[in-house]
Amino acid sequence: MDKDQLKRLRLGSYRDFDALYKMYAGNLYGFVLGMTRSADLAGSIVQDTFIKVWINREFIDPDLSFKSYFCLLYTSPSPRDMRRS
């Protein structure tokens, strides 16, 4: 994702949010699914993560690594969640 896209996302661009989702959602889902072995939990975590991205979009710094910022918003499943899966 380039700086211009991140700047537009900060201003509320749904199109750039959609592009971001398409870029990161599949990899995040696969990573979480491997940890949890639960499609439902993995889907929920991906959804929660992207909701956090949208809510906190104004804090995105286009001059810094978005991937690092994204990883800060991702919340690992708790051991309790993993036991339920």
N, C-alpha and C. Protein backbone atom coordinates (compact mmCIF):
# COMPACT_ATOMS: atom_id res chain seq x y z
N MET A 1 0.86 -1.17 0.00
CA MET A 1 0.00 0.00 0.00
C MET A 1 0.90 1.23 0.00
N ASP A 2 0.66 2.13 -0.92
CA ASP A 2 1.55 3.29 -1.02
C ASP A 2 1.07 4.44 -0.10
N LYS A 3 1.92 5.45 0.01
CA LYS A 3 1.65 6.57 0.92
C LYS A 3 0.35 7.29 0.57
N ASP A 4 0.09 7.47 -0.71
CA ASP A 4 -1.13 8.18 -1.11
C ASP A 4 -2.38 7.40 -0.68
N GLN A 5 -2.34 6.09 -0.82
CA GLN A 5 -3.48 5.27 -0.39
C GLN A 5 -3.68 5.38 1.13
N LEU A 6 -2.58 5.36 1.86
CA LEU A 6 -2.68 5.47 3.32
C LEU A 6 -3.21 6.84 3.73
N LYS A 7 -2.80 7.88 3.01
CA LYS A 7 -3.31 9.22 3.30
C LYS A 7 -4.81 9.29 3.06
N ARG A 8 -5.26 8.71 1.95
CA ARG A 8 -6.70 8.70 1.66
C ARG A 8 -7.46 7.86 2.67
N LEU A 9 -6.86 6.74 3.09
CA LEU A 9 -7.50 5.90 4.12
C LEU A 9 -7.68 6.70 5.40
N ARG A 10 -6.67 7.45 5.78
CA ARG A 10 -6.76 8.30 6.99
C ARG A 10 -7.94 9.25 6.91
N LEU A 11 -8.27 9.70 5.70
CA LEU A 11 -9.37 10.64 5.50
C LEU A 11 -10.72 9.94 5.34
N GLY A 12 -10.72 8.59 5.36
CA GLY A 12 -11.97 7.85 5.32
C GLY A 12 -12.31 7.21 3.99
N SER A 13 -11.33 6.96 3.16
CA SER A 13 -11.58 6.34 1.85
C SER A 13 -11.94 4.87 2.00
N TYR A 14 -13.20 4.55 1.65
CA TYR A 14 -13.63 3.15 1.68
C TYR A 14 -12.91 2.33 0.63
N ARG A 15 -12.64 2.94 -0.51
CA ARG A 15 -11.96 2.23 -1.59
C ARG A 15 -10.55 1.80 -1.17
N ASP A 16 -9.86 2.68 -0.48
CA ASP A 16 -8.52 2.32 -0.02
C ASP A 16 -8.56 1.34 1.16
N PHE A 17 -9.60 1.44 1.97
CA PHE A 17 -9.78 0.45 3.04
C PHE A 17 -10.02 -0.93 2.43
N ASP A 18 -10.84 -0.98 1.40
CA ASP A 18 -11.11 -2.24 0.71
C ASP A 18 -9.83 -2.82 0.11
N ALA A 19 -9.01 -1.97 -0.49
CA ALA A 19 -7.74 -2.42 -1.06
C ALA A 19 -6.83 -2.97 0.04
N LEU A 20 -6.81 -2.30 1.17
CA LEU A 20 -6.01 -2.75 2.31
C LEU A 20 -6.51 -4.10 2.80
N TYR A 21 -7.83 -4.24 2.89
CA TYR A 21 -8.42 -5.50 3.33
C TYR A 21 -8.00 -6.64 2.39
N LYS A 22 -8.13 -6.39 1.10
CA LYS A 22 -7.76 -7.43 0.13
C LYS A 22 -6.28 -7.78 0.21
N MET A 23 -5.46 -6.82 0.59
CA MET A 23 -4.02 -7.04 0.67
C MET A 23 -3.62 -7.87 1.90
N TYR A 24 -4.31 -7.67 3.02
CA TYR A 24 -3.87 -8.26 4.29
C TYR A 24 -4.78 -9.34 4.88
N ALA A 25 -6.04 -9.35 4.54
CA ALA A 25 -6.99 -10.24 5.23
C ALA A 25 -6.66 -11.71 5.04
N GLY A 26 -6.33 -12.11 3.84
CA GLY A 26 -6.06 -13.53 3.58
C GLY A 26 -4.87 -14.05 4.37
N ASN A 27 -3.80 -13.27 4.41
CA ASN A 27 -2.62 -13.69 5.17
C ASN A 27 -2.90 -13.74 6.65
N LEU A 28 -3.63 -12.74 7.16
CA LEU A 28 -3.96 -12.74 8.59
C LEU A 28 -4.86 -13.92 8.93
N TYR A 29 -5.85 -14.16 8.09
CA TYR A 29 -6.76 -15.29 8.32
C TYR A 29 -5.98 -16.61 8.36
N GLY A 30 -5.11 -16.83 7.40
CA GLY A 30 -4.31 -18.06 7.37
C GLY A 30 -3.43 -18.21 8.60
N PHE A 31 -2.82 -17.11 9.03
CA PHE A 31 -1.97 -17.13 10.22
C PHE A 31 -2.78 -17.49 11.46
N VAL A 32 -3.92 -16.83 11.64
CA VAL A 32 -4.74 -17.07 12.83
C VAL A 32 -5.38 -18.46 12.78
N LEU A 33 -5.80 -18.88 11.61
CA LEU A 33 -6.37 -20.22 11.48
C LEU A 33 -5.35 -21.29 11.87
N GLY A 34 -4.10 -21.09 11.49
CA GLY A 34 -3.04 -22.02 11.87
C GLY A 34 -2.83 -22.08 13.38
N MET A 35 -3.02 -20.94 14.04
CA MET A 35 -2.85 -20.89 15.50
C MET A 35 -4.05 -21.48 16.23
N THR A 36 -5.25 -21.20 15.72
CA THR A 36 -6.46 -21.54 16.47
C THR A 36 -7.14 -22.82 16.01
N ARG A 37 -6.92 -23.18 14.76
CA ARG A 37 -7.60 -24.34 14.15
C ARG A 37 -9.12 -24.17 14.15
N SER A 38 -9.56 -22.90 14.16
CA SER A 38 -10.99 -22.59 14.17
C SER A 38 -11.27 -21.52 13.12
N ALA A 39 -12.04 -21.89 12.11
CA ALA A 39 -12.39 -20.93 11.06
C ALA A 39 -13.22 -19.78 11.64
N ASP A 40 -14.13 -20.10 12.54
CA ASP A 40 -14.98 -19.07 13.14
C ASP A 40 -14.16 -18.06 13.94
N LEU A 41 -13.26 -18.56 14.78
CA LEU A 41 -12.44 -17.67 15.60
C LEU A 41 -11.49 -16.86 14.72
N ALA A 42 -10.91 -17.49 13.71
CA ALA A 42 -10.00 -16.78 12.81
C ALA A 42 -10.75 -15.66 12.09
N GLY A 43 -11.94 -15.96 11.59
CA GLY A 43 -12.74 -14.94 10.92
C GLY A 43 -13.09 -13.79 11.84
N SER A 44 -13.41 -14.11 13.08
CA SER A 44 -13.76 -13.09 14.06
C SER A 44 -12.56 -12.19 14.36
N ILE A 45 -11.40 -12.78 14.50
CA ILE A 45 -10.19 -12.00 14.80
C ILE A 45 -9.83 -11.10 13.62
N VAL A 46 -9.96 -11.62 12.40
CA VAL A 46 -9.69 -10.80 11.21
C VAL A 46 -10.66 -9.62 11.19
N GLN A 47 -11.93 -9.88 11.41
CA GLN A 47 -12.93 -8.82 11.42
C GLN A 47 -12.61 -7.78 12.49
N ASP A 48 -12.31 -8.23 13.69
CA ASP A 48 -11.99 -7.31 14.78
C ASP A 48 -10.77 -6.45 14.45
N THR A 49 -9.77 -7.07 13.84
CA THR A 49 -8.55 -6.35 13.50
C THR A 49 -8.85 -5.24 12.49
N PHE A 50 -9.65 -5.55 11.48
CA PHE A 50 -9.94 -4.53 10.47
C PHE A 50 -10.89 -3.46 11.01
N ILE A 51 -11.73 -3.80 11.95
CA ILE A 51 -12.55 -2.77 12.62
C ILE A 51 -11.63 -1.81 13.36
N LYS A 52 -10.61 -2.35 14.02
CA LYS A 52 -9.64 -1.49 14.72
C LYS A 52 -8.89 -0.61 13.74
N VAL A 53 -8.53 -1.15 12.58
CA VAL A 53 -7.85 -0.34 11.56
C VAL A 53 -8.75 0.85 11.18
N TRP A 54 -10.03 0.57 10.91
CA TRP A 54 -10.94 1.63 10.50
C TRP A 54 -11.12 2.68 11.62
N ILE A 55 -11.35 2.22 12.82
CA ILE A 55 -11.57 3.14 13.94
C ILE A 55 -10.34 4.00 14.20
N ASN A 56 -9.16 3.41 14.04
CA ASN A 56 -7.91 4.11 14.37
C ASN A 56 -7.18 4.63 13.13
N ARG A 57 -7.87 4.72 12.01
CA ARG A 57 -7.22 5.09 10.75
C ARG A 57 -6.51 6.44 10.80
N GLU A 58 -7.02 7.37 11.61
CA GLU A 58 -6.40 8.70 11.67
C GLU A 58 -5.00 8.66 12.28
N PHE A 59 -4.66 7.57 12.96
CA PHE A 59 -3.34 7.45 13.57
C PHE A 59 -2.32 6.79 12.65
N ILE A 60 -2.74 6.38 11.47
CA ILE A 60 -1.82 5.76 10.51
C ILE A 60 -0.85 6.82 10.03
N ASP A 61 0.43 6.51 10.09
CA ASP A 61 1.46 7.42 9.60
C ASP A 61 1.96 6.87 8.26
N PRO A 62 1.63 7.55 7.16
CA PRO A 62 2.03 7.06 5.84
C PRO A 62 3.54 6.95 5.65
N ASP A 63 4.31 7.64 6.51
CA ASP A 63 5.76 7.61 6.39
C ASP A 63 6.39 6.42 7.12
N LEU A 64 5.59 5.70 7.88
CA LEU A 64 6.08 4.53 8.62
C LEU A 64 5.50 3.26 8.02
N SER A 65 6.02 2.14 8.45
CA SER A 65 5.57 0.85 7.96
C SER A 65 4.14 0.56 8.40
N PHE A 66 3.24 0.40 7.44
CA PHE A 66 1.87 0.05 7.80
C PHE A 66 1.81 -1.34 8.40
N LYS A 67 2.63 -2.24 7.89
CA LYS A 67 2.61 -3.61 8.38
C LYS A 67 2.89 -3.65 9.89
N SER A 68 3.82 -2.84 10.35
CA SER A 68 4.12 -2.78 11.79
C SER A 68 2.92 -2.25 12.57
N TYR A 69 2.29 -1.22 12.05
CA TYR A 69 1.10 -0.66 12.68
C TYR A 69 -0.02 -1.70 12.73
N PHE A 70 -0.19 -2.40 11.64
CA PHE A 70 -1.21 -3.44 11.53
C PHE A 70 -0.99 -4.52 12.59
N CYS A 71 0.26 -4.91 12.77
CA CYS A 71 0.58 -5.94 13.77
C CYS A 71 0.28 -5.46 15.18
N LEU A 72 0.40 -4.17 15.43
CA LEU A 72 0.05 -3.63 16.75
C LEU A 72 -1.45 -3.75 17.02
N LEU A 73 -2.26 -3.62 15.98
CA LEU A 73 -3.71 -3.69 16.15
C LEU A 73 -4.22 -5.12 16.27
N TYR A 74 -3.48 -6.05 15.68
CA TYR A 74 -3.87 -7.46 15.75
C TYR A 74 -3.74 -7.94 17.19
N THR A 75 -4.77 -8.61 17.68
CA THR A 75 -4.75 -9.16 19.03
C THR A 75 -4.75 -10.68 18.94
N SER A 76 -3.73 -11.29 19.49
CA SER A 76 -3.65 -12.74 19.49
C SER A 76 -4.81 -13.33 20.29
N PRO A 77 -5.29 -14.49 19.87
CA PRO A 77 -6.35 -15.13 20.65
C PRO A 77 -5.83 -15.54 22.02
N SER A 78 -6.69 -15.41 23.01
CA SER A 78 -6.30 -15.81 24.35
C SER A 78 -6.28 -17.33 24.45
N PRO A 79 -5.55 -17.88 25.41
CA PRO A 79 -5.57 -19.33 25.60
C PRO A 79 -6.99 -19.87 25.80
N ARG A 80 -7.84 -19.10 26.47
CA ARG A 80 -9.23 -19.52 26.67
C ARG A 80 -9.96 -19.63 25.34
N ASP A 81 -9.75 -18.64 24.46
CA ASP A 81 -10.37 -18.69 23.14
C ASP A 81 -9.89 -19.91 22.35
N MET A 82 -8.61 -20.20 22.47
CA MET A 82 -8.04 -21.32 21.72
C MET A 82 -8.58 -22.66 22.23
N ARG A 83 -8.84 -22.74 23.52
CA ARG A 83 -9.40 -23.98 24.08
C ARG A 83 -10.82 -24.21 23.57
N ARG A 84 -11.57 -23.11 23.38
CA ARG A 84 -12.94 -23.21 22.89
C ARG A 84 -13.01 -23.61 21.43
N SER A 85 -11.94 -23.40 20.69
CA SER A 85 -11.98 -23.66 19.24
C SER A 85 -11.79 -25.13 18.93
